[in-house]
Each structure stands twice: as C-alpha cells, then as structure tokens.
Amino acid sequence: MKRPELLAPAGRFECFTAAVNAGADAIYLAGKEFGARASATNFTTEELIKALDIAHLHSKKIYLTLNTLIKQREWDRLESFLSPLYDNGLDGVIIQDVGLIEFLKANFPSLSIHASTQMTVTGSYGSALLKERGIERIVPARELSLEEIKQIKNDVDIEIEAFIHGAMCYCYSGQCLFSSFLGGRSGNRGRCAQPCRLNYTVSDNGKYVKKDEIRYPLSLKDMCTLTCIDKLIDAGIDSFKIEGRLKSPQYVAGVTSIYRKYIDMYLENEILNIDEKDLDTLSGLYIRSELSEGYYFRHNSQDMITTLNPSYNESDERINKIINDRFVKPVEKKRIMGVVTLVPGENASIILKCGQTVITAEGDIVQPAQNRPLNEEEVLRQLNKTGESYFEFDRLEAQMDNNCFMPIKALNELRRQAFDKLKEALIYGS
C-alpha cells in the first residue's frame, strides 16, 4: 500500500516547528511576497532558510506557495526572492499563474513545480497538459469527487495533492472575485475579506425568506475526512493536505498529529478504528460549528452549508494546552557523538557521528602551552556549548596531550566548521 505524504500548513515559524513535531512529512508555507495568504505572518528569507535546514535534517520537505497571480512589475523581484531558497534546497513551489512555468524551468531547473488548486484542474486533459508543460504535481479543484480524482490518477502519471481537512471556499476552486467587488481586496492576491462568511438576507422571487432570521447561505462547513481517510489512501492520492496557514500552532499540531495517527494505523493494519476523543479534539481546535467530507462523496448538497453559524467556535483551552505542551516547541536537536583530538604542532581535529553519517573537520594548529595548558574539562565544556546549532552531543571525548593550548575562539571555530560539514553531509550526502 502506498504511503501518502502528510502535508501541513505553516503561517509562521511556530506553526512550522509544531508541524514537524506532530509528524508532518512536508510543510507548505510562504515568504513575505507572492503567497495567497498575505494576512498570515509568513516567513522572512532567513526564516525560510532555517526552516529548510531543519526540515531536511529531519527528512521533511518544504513547498513554497507562489500562488498569487504575478503582475508585470513583480517579475524582477521574483528571481532574487527565489534564488537563496533554491540554493538552500527548496523542494518545490505551488503556483497559480501558468506564466510562471517557463520562468521557473529556465531559472530554477531542478525545482519541482506544483499546480495550485486555483489553477482549477478538473480532469485528465488539463492534468496531461500541465504535465507536458513541466508540472509534477496537481492540487485538483476541491469540487471533484473521489471517483473523479481516481480517474485522473488512472489516466495521467502525475502526483495528486488533495485537501483532507480545513476551511472550504464557496467559490469554485477558490477563483473568487467577491472580495474584490465588495472592498477591493483580491483573494487571488492573498487578501480575501471572506464576504462568504457574512450574513445575508435571502429572497425567493422577490419575497424575503425569514427576513428576521440571521442566515449565512454562502458559508461552507469545514472539511474533515478522518472517518474516510482509508478510502482516500486506497485511491492512491499522493499527498494529503491540511488547510490552515492562518491557524494557530496548536491547530496545526493537533490536526496533523491526529491524521498522522490514523494514516499510520491504516497503513500498518488496514483497519481504521476512530476514537471519539480524537473527533472531539478536532472539533475543539478552532473549527466551525459543523463538519462535512467536502465534495468527495456528494455534490452541491445543502448539508455542506453552515447556514446558522459561520464563525469559528472558541477553541477548547484544555485541548490547546495539551497540544501546546506536547508539540509547540523547538524541534529537537539531532543527537551526535564526537571525538576531538589536540596534539601540539598538528591541526586540531574533531570527528562527529550522527546515525550512520561520519565527518572529520580540522582547525588551527595546536600550540604547545607557554603558561597554563588547556585541560580536558575546559575543552569539553567549550565544545558542548552548542547554542543555536542543530546538534547536541550525546557523548563527546577528548584525546589530547597535557601541554596543549588553543584560543577559545579557535575551538569555537572548529565546532562551527564541523557542524556545518555534518549538516551538509546529512542533507546532501557525504
């Protein structure tokens, strides 16, 4: 049975680390430009590079959302925005603008390109055309049934990424101009004001229907596919996507951890026994009043609309605290072992081991002590100051003469070089 990727959202760095800790296989996020969630905090270039390092050290992937329609005046900024991320191993980009395809292929040839749901891919012909153009993965329109998605999988050798949880847009495949018409805030530029969540007076042939009753006829229920996740796995979908780049770290971690649990359960045992407590947890994580399975097994049903309550319920603080304590924290450092060797007249060296990966780094030449020599305790204490690095020593040994001297600055530089070399070996191979 094929293992699907579990893809979690991150609107800020705390959401990213929470997703990693909760078991996501990949995370999708945006920089400060070109993403269709402009109201999210989003990531600076420095944060994106740090996230790439952490993700790759823990065998995760990162996909960058470039899913706004690009204006002519923005093209010059796009290359400089992407270049440092590409150089640091960005795994893929999610795009809406078809005009980006040739630009990305020409300037970033090894970057995987994914078609956003806002490309409105609805069938095999569109999927095949995009594959010919260089698209490796599509996110189909959310309005497709599971059978329609399976048909694309049967007809076209292309990866499919499908939403499994989160808010649903009333407009077809997110192609909405309502926000632009009402207030000049374009959803296709990342600034949707969500007019579909407002209350409206409903009329039928010019007569008001229950005029005094507050109604929300455009507000869809949130999607939750936990009880049918086995059917989605059996359909061969490549990536399961959780919506929520505007949501809290607790939401991201809670939803991710629960889907991780049941995806793994089904893959291991081919059974799906849903604990009602987990469904209660999902309902307590900032979701609308009711849930549905989206369009996978129904089409344009009135049951998909939450007519009486469009706003989010209050989060369950007890659930939030449990999730916060478990997942909302920095990603654990990689545990390593090391041996440092200091011999007067020779270059200082250190061997680091992480799993099956072993590297050796050399530093400055060790000097014979003129006054007070370094002792082993001082050397180990200094090298164990791993600070903001991605590594933590499980065991560190020192092999050294009794007449050694090195400046503290040189010991720190030896550690920095070794950690950089180990990081490169773990991410790219030795």
Protein backbone atom coordinates (compact mmCIF):
# COMPACT_ATOMS: atom_id res chain seq x y z
CA MET A 1 0.00 0.00 0.00
CA LYS A 2 1.39 3.40 -0.98
CA ARG A 3 2.27 5.76 1.85
CA PRO A 4 0.78 9.21 1.21
CA GLU A 5 2.59 12.37 2.22
CA LEU A 6 1.00 14.28 5.10
CA LEU A 7 1.31 17.98 4.23
CA ALA A 8 0.76 20.57 6.97
CA PRO A 9 0.38 24.36 6.77
CA ALA A 10 2.56 26.96 8.45
CA GLY A 11 1.77 30.65 8.56
CA ARG A 12 4.64 31.43 10.92
CA PHE A 13 7.72 29.74 12.33
CA GLU A 14 6.00 28.34 15.44
CA CYS A 15 3.50 26.57 13.18
CA PHE A 16 6.35 25.08 11.18
CA THR A 17 8.09 23.57 14.22
CA ALA A 18 4.74 22.36 15.58
CA ALA A 19 4.02 20.60 12.29
CA VAL A 20 7.42 18.90 12.28
CA ASN A 21 6.99 17.77 15.90
CA ALA A 22 3.47 16.47 15.17
CA GLY A 23 4.59 14.16 12.36
CA ALA A 24 4.11 16.06 9.10
CA ASP A 25 6.05 14.70 6.14
CA ALA A 26 6.09 18.10 4.46
CA ILE A 27 5.11 21.68 5.20
CA TYR A 28 3.80 24.35 2.85
CA LEU A 29 4.44 27.99 3.67
CA ALA A 30 5.09 31.39 2.13
CA GLY A 31 7.60 34.18 2.18
CA LYS A 32 6.71 37.82 2.54
CA GLU A 33 5.62 38.06 -1.09
CA PHE A 34 3.67 36.12 -3.74
CA GLY A 35 1.66 33.93 -1.32
CA ALA A 36 -2.15 33.79 -1.28
CA ARG A 37 -2.35 34.34 2.48
CA ALA A 38 -0.98 37.87 2.84
CA SER A 39 -2.59 38.29 6.27
CA ALA A 40 -0.52 35.44 7.72
CA THR A 41 2.72 36.40 9.42
CA ASN A 42 4.66 34.38 6.82
CA PHE A 43 8.42 33.88 6.72
CA THR A 44 11.42 36.10 6.15
CA THR A 45 14.10 34.74 3.82
CA GLU A 46 16.29 33.99 6.85
CA GLU A 47 13.46 32.04 8.50
CA LEU A 48 12.81 30.13 5.29
CA ILE A 49 16.47 29.08 5.05
CA LYS A 50 16.46 27.99 8.70
CA ALA A 51 13.23 26.06 8.13
CA LEU A 52 14.77 24.33 5.10
CA ASP A 53 17.77 23.24 7.18
CA ILE A 54 15.59 21.89 10.00
CA ALA A 55 13.21 20.15 7.62
CA HIS A 56 15.93 18.45 5.61
CA LEU A 57 17.85 17.37 8.72
CA HIS A 58 14.66 15.60 9.82
CA SER A 59 13.83 14.18 6.37
CA LYS A 60 10.92 16.56 5.76
CA LYS A 61 10.14 18.65 2.67
CA ILE A 62 9.13 22.27 2.23
CA TYR A 63 6.93 23.62 -0.54
CA LEU A 64 6.75 27.37 -1.07
CA THR A 65 3.42 28.89 -2.08
CA LEU A 66 3.85 31.23 -5.05
CA ASN A 67 0.13 31.09 -5.67
CA THR A 68 -0.79 34.67 -6.47
CA LEU A 69 -1.19 35.97 -9.99
CA ILE A 70 2.11 37.73 -10.74
CA LYS A 71 1.97 41.31 -12.00
CA GLN A 72 4.36 42.50 -14.69
CA ARG A 73 6.20 44.86 -12.34
CA GLU A 74 6.91 41.99 -9.92
CA TRP A 75 8.93 39.76 -12.23
CA ASP A 76 12.27 41.39 -11.43
CA ARG A 77 11.77 40.74 -7.70
CA LEU A 78 10.74 37.13 -8.16
CA GLU A 79 14.14 35.78 -9.20
CA SER A 80 16.01 37.47 -6.33
CA PHE A 81 13.33 36.25 -3.90
CA LEU A 82 13.62 32.62 -5.00
CA SER A 83 17.38 32.33 -5.58
CA PRO A 84 18.55 31.93 -1.95
CA LEU A 85 15.79 29.40 -1.27
CA TYR A 86 16.63 27.40 -4.38
CA ASP A 87 20.32 27.45 -3.38
CA ASN A 88 19.34 26.03 0.01
CA GLY A 89 17.39 23.09 -1.39
CA LEU A 90 13.77 24.27 -1.65
CA ASP A 91 11.77 21.15 -2.52
CA GLY A 92 9.01 22.68 -4.60
CA VAL A 93 6.75 25.62 -5.36
CA ILE A 94 2.95 25.74 -5.60
CA ILE A 95 1.81 28.12 -8.34
CA GLN A 96 -1.43 29.51 -9.75
CA ASP A 97 -0.01 31.61 -12.59
CA VAL A 98 0.61 29.49 -15.71
CA GLY A 99 3.06 32.14 -16.89
CA LEU A 100 5.43 31.09 -14.10
CA ILE A 101 6.09 27.65 -15.54
CA GLU A 102 8.58 28.64 -18.25
CA PHE A 103 10.22 31.20 -15.97
CA LEU A 104 10.81 28.59 -13.26
CA LYS A 105 12.06 25.96 -15.69
CA ALA A 106 14.53 28.42 -17.21
CA ASN A 107 15.86 29.90 -13.98
CA PHE A 108 15.41 27.10 -11.44
CA PRO A 109 15.59 23.90 -13.50
CA SER A 110 15.67 21.35 -10.68
CA LEU A 111 12.77 22.88 -8.72
CA SER A 112 9.61 20.79 -8.54
CA ILE A 113 6.56 22.74 -9.75
CA HIS A 114 3.09 22.03 -8.36
CA ALA A 115 -0.19 23.37 -9.74
CA SER A 116 -2.31 25.09 -7.08
CA THR A 117 -5.99 24.28 -6.65
CA GLN A 118 -6.53 27.80 -8.02
CA MET A 119 -5.47 26.52 -11.44
CA THR A 120 -8.87 24.78 -11.40
CA VAL A 121 -7.69 21.41 -12.69
CA THR A 122 -10.81 19.30 -13.09
CA GLY A 123 -9.89 16.35 -15.29
CA SER A 124 -7.41 14.23 -17.19
CA TYR A 125 -6.98 16.54 -20.19
CA GLY A 126 -5.92 19.52 -18.08
CA SER A 127 -3.68 17.31 -15.95
CA ALA A 128 -1.96 15.87 -19.02
CA LEU A 129 -1.43 19.33 -20.50
CA LEU A 130 0.16 20.59 -17.30
CA LYS A 131 2.40 17.54 -17.10
CA GLU A 132 3.61 18.25 -20.65
CA ARG A 133 4.43 21.78 -19.57
CA GLY A 134 6.56 20.56 -16.67
CA ILE A 135 4.16 20.33 -13.71
CA GLU A 136 4.98 17.37 -11.44
CA ARG A 137 2.01 17.59 -9.07
CA ILE A 138 -1.51 18.99 -9.24
CA VAL A 139 -3.86 20.10 -6.48
CA PRO A 140 -7.23 19.44 -8.17
CA ALA A 141 -10.24 21.68 -7.73
CA ARG A 142 -11.76 20.87 -4.35
CA GLU A 143 -15.12 20.29 -6.01
CA LEU A 144 -14.03 16.98 -7.56
CA SER A 145 -15.42 13.74 -6.23
CA LEU A 146 -13.11 10.93 -5.16
CA GLU A 147 -14.10 9.00 -8.29
CA GLU A 148 -13.08 11.93 -10.48
CA ILE A 149 -9.71 12.14 -8.73
CA LYS A 150 -9.20 8.40 -9.19
CA GLN A 151 -9.93 8.83 -12.89
CA ILE A 152 -7.14 11.40 -13.19
CA LYS A 153 -4.77 9.00 -11.39
CA ASN A 154 -5.71 6.22 -13.80
CA ASP A 155 -5.31 8.38 -16.90
CA VAL A 156 -2.25 10.54 -16.13
CA ASP A 157 1.04 9.69 -14.44
CA ILE A 158 1.13 12.77 -12.26
CA GLU A 159 1.17 13.30 -8.49
CA ILE A 160 -2.07 14.42 -6.85
CA GLU A 161 -2.26 16.51 -3.71
CA ALA A 162 -5.74 16.74 -2.18
CA PHE A 163 -7.18 18.61 0.79
CA ILE A 164 -8.31 16.47 3.69
CA HIS A 165 -9.13 18.99 6.43
CA GLY A 166 -9.95 22.63 6.98
CA ALA A 167 -11.95 25.57 5.67
CA MET A 168 -13.78 25.33 2.36
CA CYS A 169 -14.20 28.18 -0.13
CA TYR A 170 -17.70 28.70 -1.53
CA CYS A 171 -16.39 29.77 -4.92
CA TYR A 172 -15.28 27.11 -7.41
CA SER A 173 -11.66 26.16 -6.77
CA GLY A 174 -11.02 29.41 -4.93
CA GLN A 175 -11.46 31.53 -8.06
CA CYS A 176 -13.36 34.24 -6.20
CA LEU A 177 -13.82 37.91 -7.11
CA PHE A 178 -16.45 38.66 -4.46
CA SER A 179 -13.95 40.25 -2.07
CA SER A 180 -12.56 42.41 -4.88
CA PHE A 181 -16.02 43.60 -5.89
CA LEU A 182 -17.11 44.46 -2.35
CA GLY A 183 -13.96 46.05 -0.97
CA GLY A 184 -11.11 45.99 -3.44
CA ARG A 185 -9.32 43.17 -1.60
CA SER A 186 -8.46 40.38 -4.01
CA GLY A 187 -8.50 36.80 -2.85
CA ASN A 188 -6.26 35.96 -5.80
CA ARG A 189 -3.68 38.37 -4.39
CA GLY A 190 -3.84 36.87 -0.90
CA ARG A 191 -6.15 39.46 0.68
CA CYS A 192 -9.61 37.88 0.76
CA ALA A 193 -12.01 39.63 3.16
CA GLN A 194 -14.16 36.46 3.32
CA PRO A 195 -17.52 38.02 2.36
CA CYS A 196 -18.91 34.48 2.08
CA ARG A 197 -18.80 34.30 5.89
CA LEU A 198 -21.16 37.28 6.31
CA ASN A 199 -24.90 37.08 6.95
CA TYR A 200 -27.28 37.89 4.09
CA THR A 201 -30.98 38.44 3.61
CA VAL A 202 -32.39 35.68 1.41
CA SER A 203 -35.19 36.27 -1.08
CA ASP A 204 -37.18 33.94 -3.29
CA ASN A 205 -38.86 35.51 -6.32
CA GLY A 206 -38.61 38.92 -4.72
CA LYS A 207 -40.02 37.81 -1.36
CA TYR A 208 -37.82 37.67 1.73
CA VAL A 209 -37.35 34.26 3.30
CA LYS A 210 -37.45 34.52 7.09
CA LYS A 211 -36.24 38.12 6.94
CA ASP A 212 -35.66 38.39 10.68
CA GLU A 213 -33.55 35.24 10.85
CA ILE A 214 -29.76 35.60 10.53
CA ARG A 215 -28.59 33.38 7.70
CA TYR A 216 -25.24 32.60 6.13
CA PRO A 217 -26.11 31.00 2.78
CA LEU A 218 -22.56 31.17 1.36
CA SER A 219 -20.63 29.71 4.31
CA LEU A 220 -19.47 26.14 3.77
CA LYS A 221 -18.85 23.74 6.62
CA ASP A 222 -15.24 22.86 7.30
CA MET A 223 -13.89 19.67 5.77
CA CYS A 224 -12.98 16.68 7.92
CA THR A 225 -12.12 13.38 6.22
CA LEU A 226 -10.79 11.46 9.21
CA THR A 227 -13.55 8.84 9.12
CA CYS A 228 -12.97 8.15 5.43
CA ILE A 229 -9.20 8.55 5.26
CA ASP A 230 -8.90 4.86 4.38
CA LYS A 231 -10.82 5.44 1.15
CA LEU A 232 -8.54 8.34 0.22
CA ILE A 233 -5.45 6.20 0.88
CA ASP A 234 -6.89 3.38 -1.24
CA ALA A 235 -7.50 5.89 -4.06
CA GLY A 236 -3.74 6.39 -4.39
CA ILE A 237 -3.65 10.11 -3.60
CA ASP A 238 -0.01 11.13 -3.22
CA SER A 239 -0.29 13.94 -0.70
CA PHE A 240 -2.89 14.74 1.97
CA LYS A 241 -3.10 18.48 2.53
CA ILE A 242 -4.35 20.21 5.68
CA GLU A 243 -5.70 23.73 5.16
CA GLY A 244 -4.79 26.41 7.68
CA ARG A 245 -1.95 28.88 7.07
CA LEU A 246 -3.92 31.43 9.12
CA LYS A 247 -4.41 29.00 12.01
CA SER A 248 -2.56 28.69 15.32
CA PRO A 249 0.36 26.36 16.06
CA GLN A 250 -1.95 24.37 18.33
CA TYR A 251 -4.41 23.84 15.48
CA VAL A 252 -1.65 22.81 13.07
CA ALA A 253 -0.09 20.38 15.53
CA GLY A 254 -3.37 18.93 16.78
CA VAL A 255 -4.81 18.23 13.34
CA THR A 256 -1.51 16.94 11.97
CA SER A 257 -0.92 14.56 14.89
CA ILE A 258 -4.41 13.04 14.66
CA TYR A 259 -4.24 12.43 10.92
CA ARG A 260 -0.72 11.04 11.39
CA LYS A 261 -2.09 8.56 13.92
CA TYR A 262 -4.84 7.22 11.68
CA ILE A 263 -2.91 7.24 8.42
CA ASP A 264 -0.24 5.14 10.12
CA MET A 265 -2.88 2.90 11.71
CA TYR A 266 -4.43 2.08 8.36
CA LEU A 267 -1.10 1.60 6.59
CA GLU A 268 0.11 -0.80 9.27
CA ASN A 269 -3.05 -2.77 9.99
CA GLU A 270 -5.52 -1.97 7.19
CA ILE A 271 -8.09 -1.06 9.82
CA LEU A 272 -9.47 2.30 10.90
CA ASN A 273 -10.85 2.48 14.41
CA ILE A 274 -11.58 6.14 15.13
CA ASP A 275 -11.55 7.15 18.78
CA GLU A 276 -14.40 9.59 19.51
CA LYS A 277 -11.99 11.54 21.71
CA ASP A 278 -9.93 12.36 18.63
CA LEU A 279 -13.00 13.64 16.80
CA ASP A 280 -13.79 15.76 19.84
CA THR A 281 -10.25 17.11 19.75
CA LEU A 282 -10.64 18.11 16.11
CA SER A 283 -13.93 19.82 16.95
CA GLY A 284 -12.22 21.70 19.77
CA LEU A 285 -9.48 23.05 17.55
CA TYR A 286 -10.98 26.24 16.19
CA ILE A 287 -13.40 24.70 13.69
CA ARG A 288 -16.80 25.93 12.55
CA SER A 289 -19.95 24.59 14.15
CA GLU A 290 -20.31 21.63 11.80
CA LEU A 291 -18.13 19.39 9.63
CA SER A 292 -18.51 17.70 6.27
CA GLU A 293 -16.45 15.46 3.98
CA GLY A 294 -16.35 18.14 1.30
CA TYR A 295 -17.18 17.08 -2.25
CA TYR A 296 -15.60 13.62 -2.15
CA PHE A 297 -18.92 11.78 -1.79
CA ARG A 298 -21.56 14.43 -2.53
CA HIS A 299 -22.17 17.30 -4.90
CA ASN A 300 -23.73 20.69 -4.11
CA SER A 301 -25.61 19.41 -1.09
CA GLN A 302 -27.40 21.81 1.23
CA ASP A 303 -25.86 19.79 4.05
CA MET A 304 -22.49 21.36 3.14
CA ILE A 305 -23.64 24.85 4.18
CA THR A 306 -23.47 26.05 7.78
CA THR A 307 -26.38 28.46 7.44
CA LEU A 308 -26.76 29.48 11.07
CA ASN A 309 -23.20 29.86 12.35
CA PRO A 310 -20.34 30.80 10.02
CA SER A 311 -17.85 31.99 12.58
CA TYR A 312 -15.32 29.89 14.39
CA ASN A 313 -16.17 28.48 17.77
CA GLU A 314 -13.92 29.19 20.68
CA SER A 315 -11.00 26.78 20.96
CA ASP A 316 -11.02 24.31 23.82
CA GLU A 317 -8.31 25.68 26.10
CA ARG A 318 -7.77 22.31 27.77
CA ILE A 319 -7.08 20.70 24.40
CA ASN A 320 -4.90 23.63 23.36
CA LYS A 321 -2.76 23.28 26.48
CA ILE A 322 -2.21 19.55 25.97
CA ILE A 323 -1.19 20.08 22.35
CA ASN A 324 0.91 23.11 23.22
CA ASP A 325 2.90 21.22 25.85
CA ARG A 326 3.49 18.27 23.54
CA PHE A 327 4.20 19.84 20.16
CA VAL A 328 4.54 23.64 20.23
CA LYS A 329 8.24 23.94 20.95
CA PRO A 330 11.51 23.99 19.03
CA VAL A 331 12.33 20.88 17.01
CA GLU A 332 14.66 18.62 18.96
CA LYS A 333 18.30 18.85 18.01
CA LYS A 334 20.00 15.95 16.28
CA ARG A 335 21.90 13.81 18.78
CA ILE A 336 25.54 13.26 17.92
CA MET A 337 28.78 11.74 19.21
CA GLY A 338 32.19 13.32 18.87
CA VAL A 339 35.92 12.88 19.47
CA VAL A 340 38.23 15.91 19.47
CA THR A 341 41.99 15.43 19.10
CA LEU A 342 44.52 18.07 20.18
CA VAL A 343 48.24 17.43 19.64
CA PRO A 344 50.82 20.26 19.75
CA GLY A 345 52.20 21.04 16.29
CA GLU A 346 49.28 19.37 14.47
CA ASN A 347 45.92 20.64 13.29
CA ALA A 348 43.13 20.28 15.82
CA SER A 349 40.57 17.78 14.55
CA ILE A 350 37.14 16.53 15.50
CA ILE A 351 35.16 13.51 14.33
CA LEU A 352 31.37 13.75 14.52
CA LYS A 353 28.90 10.91 14.08
CA CYS A 354 25.13 11.19 13.60
CA GLY A 355 23.45 7.87 12.84
CA GLN A 356 25.50 6.33 10.02
CA THR A 357 26.96 9.66 8.92
CA VAL A 358 30.53 10.43 10.00
CA ILE A 359 32.60 13.53 9.20
CA THR A 360 36.02 14.85 10.18
CA ALA A 361 36.87 18.54 10.41
CA GLU A 362 40.23 20.20 11.00
CA GLY A 363 41.02 23.51 12.69
CA ASP A 364 44.05 25.59 13.55
CA ILE A 365 47.40 24.13 14.56
CA VAL A 366 47.56 23.31 18.25
CA GLN A 367 50.28 25.25 20.10
CA PRO A 368 52.43 23.98 22.98
CA ALA A 369 51.37 25.76 26.16
CA GLN A 370 53.59 28.69 27.20
CA ASN A 371 51.89 29.18 30.54
CA ARG A 372 48.77 27.32 31.63
CA PRO A 373 47.81 24.44 29.30
CA LEU A 374 44.22 23.60 28.41
CA ASN A 375 42.76 20.72 30.34
CA GLU A 376 40.23 18.20 29.09
CA GLU A 377 37.38 19.59 31.18
CA GLU A 378 37.77 23.07 29.65
CA VAL A 379 37.85 21.72 26.09
CA LEU A 380 34.75 19.57 26.55
CA ARG A 381 32.84 22.33 28.31
CA GLN A 382 33.56 24.77 25.50
CA LEU A 383 32.69 22.39 22.67
CA ASN A 384 29.47 21.39 24.41
CA LYS A 385 28.17 24.96 24.08
CA THR A 386 26.10 24.13 21.02
CA GLY A 387 23.86 27.21 21.32
CA GLU A 388 21.57 27.84 18.31
CA SER A 389 23.02 24.98 16.27
CA TYR A 390 21.03 21.96 15.09
CA PHE A 391 23.08 19.47 17.13
CA GLU A 392 23.50 18.28 20.71
CA PHE A 393 26.23 15.94 21.98
CA ASP A 394 25.19 12.63 23.49
CA ARG A 395 28.84 11.88 24.08
CA LEU A 396 32.00 13.91 23.49
CA GLU A 397 35.53 12.69 24.20
CA ALA A 398 38.87 14.48 24.09
CA GLN A 399 42.18 12.93 23.12
CA MET A 400 44.90 15.44 23.98
CA ASP A 401 48.37 15.96 25.37
CA ASN A 402 48.92 17.65 28.71
CA ASN A 403 50.77 20.53 27.08
CA CYS A 404 48.15 21.88 24.64
CA PHE A 405 46.94 25.39 24.02
CA MET A 406 44.31 26.80 21.66
CA PRO A 407 42.40 30.06 21.94
CA ILE A 408 38.74 29.63 22.84
CA LYS A 409 37.89 31.37 19.57
CA ALA A 410 39.72 28.63 17.65
CA LEU A 411 37.84 25.87 19.49
CA ASN A 412 34.55 27.59 18.67
CA GLU A 413 35.53 27.85 15.00
CA LEU A 414 36.45 24.14 14.92
CA ARG A 415 32.98 23.27 16.26
CA ARG A 416 31.26 25.61 13.79
CA GLN A 417 33.12 24.13 10.80
CA ALA A 418 32.38 20.60 11.97
CA PHE A 419 28.68 21.30 12.46
CA ASP A 420 28.44 22.92 9.02
CA LYS A 421 30.14 19.92 7.44
CA LEU A 422 27.90 17.46 9.28
CA LYS A 423 24.78 19.39 8.26
CA GLU A 424 25.83 19.29 4.60
CA ALA A 425 26.58 15.57 4.82
CA LEU A 426 23.22 14.79 6.42
CA ILE A 427 21.24 16.83 3.91
CA TYR A 428 23.12 16.21 0.69
CA GLY A 429 25.12 13.08 1.45
CA SER A 430 28.84 12.82 2.15
